[in-house]
Structure formats: structure tokens, C-alpha cells
Amino acid sequence: MSDAPPRHITPSPSFAVLVKLGSLAVHVEEFLSPDGHAFDREAIVVLLDDPEVKEWLAEMDKAAFLPKKRNRR
């Protein structure tokens, strides 16, 4: 028996969304490093505003796979 959630409620991101999420992780890591740069912050803002990323995050939130935000915008 698998520990994975049932397939019907697990959003499957496209390759493009996976690349954007990976880019987001790298830019967050870079921004938080001692050499963090304003470019990384801007890239984070742009990636978080991407329609595909927003849609995927909303699906994951609806499926209760993400932490609840303290502040909703």
C-alpha cells in the first residue's frame, strides 16, 4: 500500500510549472544567502505572480497540501 495521496486529488504540475518552482527555490536560497541580491527578490515576486504557479498553488492549497498562510492577500 502506498503512502501517496489518491491520484484524483493530487495536482500534477506541468514541466513548465516544475521549472518555475525550481527557479523559485533557487532564487529564495540565493536571496537568503550572504550574497543575496535585489535581483533574486524581484525574480521571486515575478515567479509568485505567474498565473501557472498561482493556479498550482491554489490547487495544492485546496487539497490541503500546503501550510496555511498567516496573512492572506
C-alpha atoms as a PDB file:
ATOM      1  CA  MET A   1       0.000   0.000   0.000  1.00  0.00           C
ATOM      2  CA  SER A   2       1.330   3.425  -0.980  1.00  0.00           C
ATOM      3  CA  ASP A   3       1.566   6.443   1.329  1.00  0.00           C
ATOM      4  CA  ALA A   4       0.893   8.760  -1.627  1.00  0.00           C
ATOM      5  CA  PRO A   5      -2.405  10.636  -1.650  1.00  0.00           C
ATOM      6  CA  PRO A   6      -5.042   9.392  -4.092  1.00  0.00           C
ATOM      7  CA  ARG A   7      -4.240  10.440  -7.646  1.00  0.00           C
ATOM      8  CA  HIS A   8      -7.568  12.192  -8.188  1.00  0.00           C
ATOM      9  CA  ILE A   9      -6.716  14.916  -5.646  1.00  0.00           C
ATOM     10  CA  THR A  10      -3.022  15.285  -6.437  1.00  0.00           C
ATOM     11  CA  PRO A  11      -2.373  18.121  -8.875  1.00  0.00           C
ATOM     12  CA  SER A  12       0.211  17.136 -11.469  1.00  0.00           C
ATOM     13  CA  PRO A  13       2.204  20.210 -12.423  1.00  0.00           C
ATOM     14  CA  SER A  14       3.397  20.638 -15.980  1.00  0.00           C
ATOM     15  CA  PHE A  15       7.107  20.600 -16.737  1.00  0.00           C
ATOM     16  CA  ALA A  16       6.938  24.408 -17.080  1.00  0.00           C
ATOM     17  CA  VAL A  17       5.483  24.753 -13.575  1.00  0.00           C
ATOM     18  CA  LEU A  18       8.146  22.416 -12.183  1.00  0.00           C
ATOM     19  CA  VAL A  19      10.854  24.581 -13.763  1.00  0.00           C
ATOM     20  CA  LYS A  20       9.264  27.720 -12.304  1.00  0.00           C
ATOM     21  CA  LEU A  21       9.023  26.141  -8.841  1.00  0.00           C
ATOM     22  CA  GLY A  22      12.659  25.054  -9.096  1.00  0.00           C
ATOM     23  CA  SER A  23      13.665  28.574 -10.137  1.00  0.00           C
ATOM     24  CA  LEU A  24      11.701  29.942  -7.215  1.00  0.00           C
ATOM     25  CA  ALA A  25      13.543  27.662  -4.785  1.00  0.00           C
ATOM     26  CA  VAL A  26      16.943  28.668  -6.206  1.00  0.00           C
ATOM     27  CA  HIS A  27      16.127  32.393  -6.056  1.00  0.00           C
ATOM     28  CA  VAL A  28      14.875  32.099  -2.456  1.00  0.00           C
ATOM     29  CA  GLU A  29      18.049  30.255  -1.480  1.00  0.00           C
ATOM     30  CA  GLU A  30      20.194  32.868  -3.226  1.00  0.00           C
ATOM     31  CA  PHE A  31      18.235  35.770  -1.729  1.00  0.00           C
ATOM     32  CA  LEU A  32      18.667  34.375   1.782  1.00  0.00           C
ATOM     33  CA  SER A  33      22.386  33.790   1.290  1.00  0.00           C
ATOM     34  CA  PRO A  34      25.019  36.312   2.413  1.00  0.00           C
ATOM     35  CA  ASP A  35      25.338  37.342  -1.251  1.00  0.00           C
ATOM     36  CA  GLY A  36      21.584  37.785  -1.743  1.00  0.00           C
ATOM     37  CA  HIS A  37      20.669  40.393  -4.310  1.00  0.00           C
ATOM     38  CA  ALA A  38      17.655  42.525  -5.174  1.00  0.00           C
ATOM     39  CA  PHE A  39      17.515  40.643  -8.493  1.00  0.00           C
ATOM     40  CA  ASP A  40      16.641  37.475  -6.596  1.00  0.00           C
ATOM     41  CA  ARG A  41      13.827  39.238  -4.737  1.00  0.00           C
ATOM     42  CA  GLU A  42      12.396  40.561  -7.994  1.00  0.00           C
ATOM     43  CA  ALA A  43      12.580  37.087  -9.560  1.00  0.00           C
ATOM     44  CA  ILE A  44      10.717  35.676  -6.524  1.00  0.00           C
ATOM     45  CA  VAL A  45       7.979  38.304  -6.879  1.00  0.00           C
ATOM     46  CA  VAL A  46       7.620  37.605 -10.618  1.00  0.00           C
ATOM     47  CA  LEU A  47       7.515  33.841 -10.133  1.00  0.00           C
ATOM     48  CA  LEU A  48       4.931  34.072  -7.343  1.00  0.00           C
ATOM     49  CA  ASP A  49       2.773  36.234  -9.630  1.00  0.00           C
ATOM     50  CA  ASP A  50       2.983  33.771 -12.538  1.00  0.00           C
ATOM     51  CA  PRO A  51      -0.531  32.545 -13.464  1.00  0.00           C
ATOM     52  CA  GLU A  52       0.508  28.875 -13.727  1.00  0.00           C
ATOM     53  CA  VAL A  53       2.309  28.983 -10.384  1.00  0.00           C
ATOM     54  CA  LYS A  54      -0.661  30.732  -8.760  1.00  0.00           C
ATOM     55  CA  GLU A  55      -3.061  28.131 -10.156  1.00  0.00           C
ATOM     56  CA  TRP A  56      -0.904  25.227  -8.965  1.00  0.00           C
ATOM     57  CA  LEU A  57      -0.502  26.752  -5.502  1.00  0.00           C
ATOM     58  CA  ALA A  58      -4.270  27.281  -5.268  1.00  0.00           C
ATOM     59  CA  GLU A  59      -4.874  23.632  -6.216  1.00  0.00           C
ATOM     60  CA  MET A  60      -2.351  22.464  -3.641  1.00  0.00           C
ATOM     61  CA  ASP A  61      -3.918  24.723  -1.007  1.00  0.00           C
ATOM     62  CA  LYS A  62      -7.400  23.419  -1.811  1.00  0.00           C
ATOM     63  CA  ALA A  63      -6.106  19.859  -1.442  1.00  0.00           C
ATOM     64  CA  ALA A  64      -4.617  20.868   1.958  1.00  0.00           C
ATOM     65  CA  PHE A  65      -1.036  20.010   0.959  1.00  0.00           C
ATOM     66  CA  LEU A  66       0.409  23.432   1.856  1.00  0.00           C
ATOM     67  CA  PRO A  67       0.786  25.257   5.156  1.00  0.00           C
ATOM     68  CA  LYS A  68      -1.953  27.784   5.813  1.00  0.00           C
ATOM     69  CA  LYS A  69      -0.816  31.382   5.315  1.00  0.00           C
ATOM     70  CA  ARG A  70      -0.841  33.647   8.332  1.00  0.00           C
ATOM     71  CA  ASN A  71      -1.693  36.642   6.136  1.00  0.00           C
ATOM     72  CA  ARG A  72      -3.956  36.270   3.100  1.00  0.00           C
ATOM     73  CA  ARG A  73      -3.678  38.960   0.438  1.00  0.00           C
END
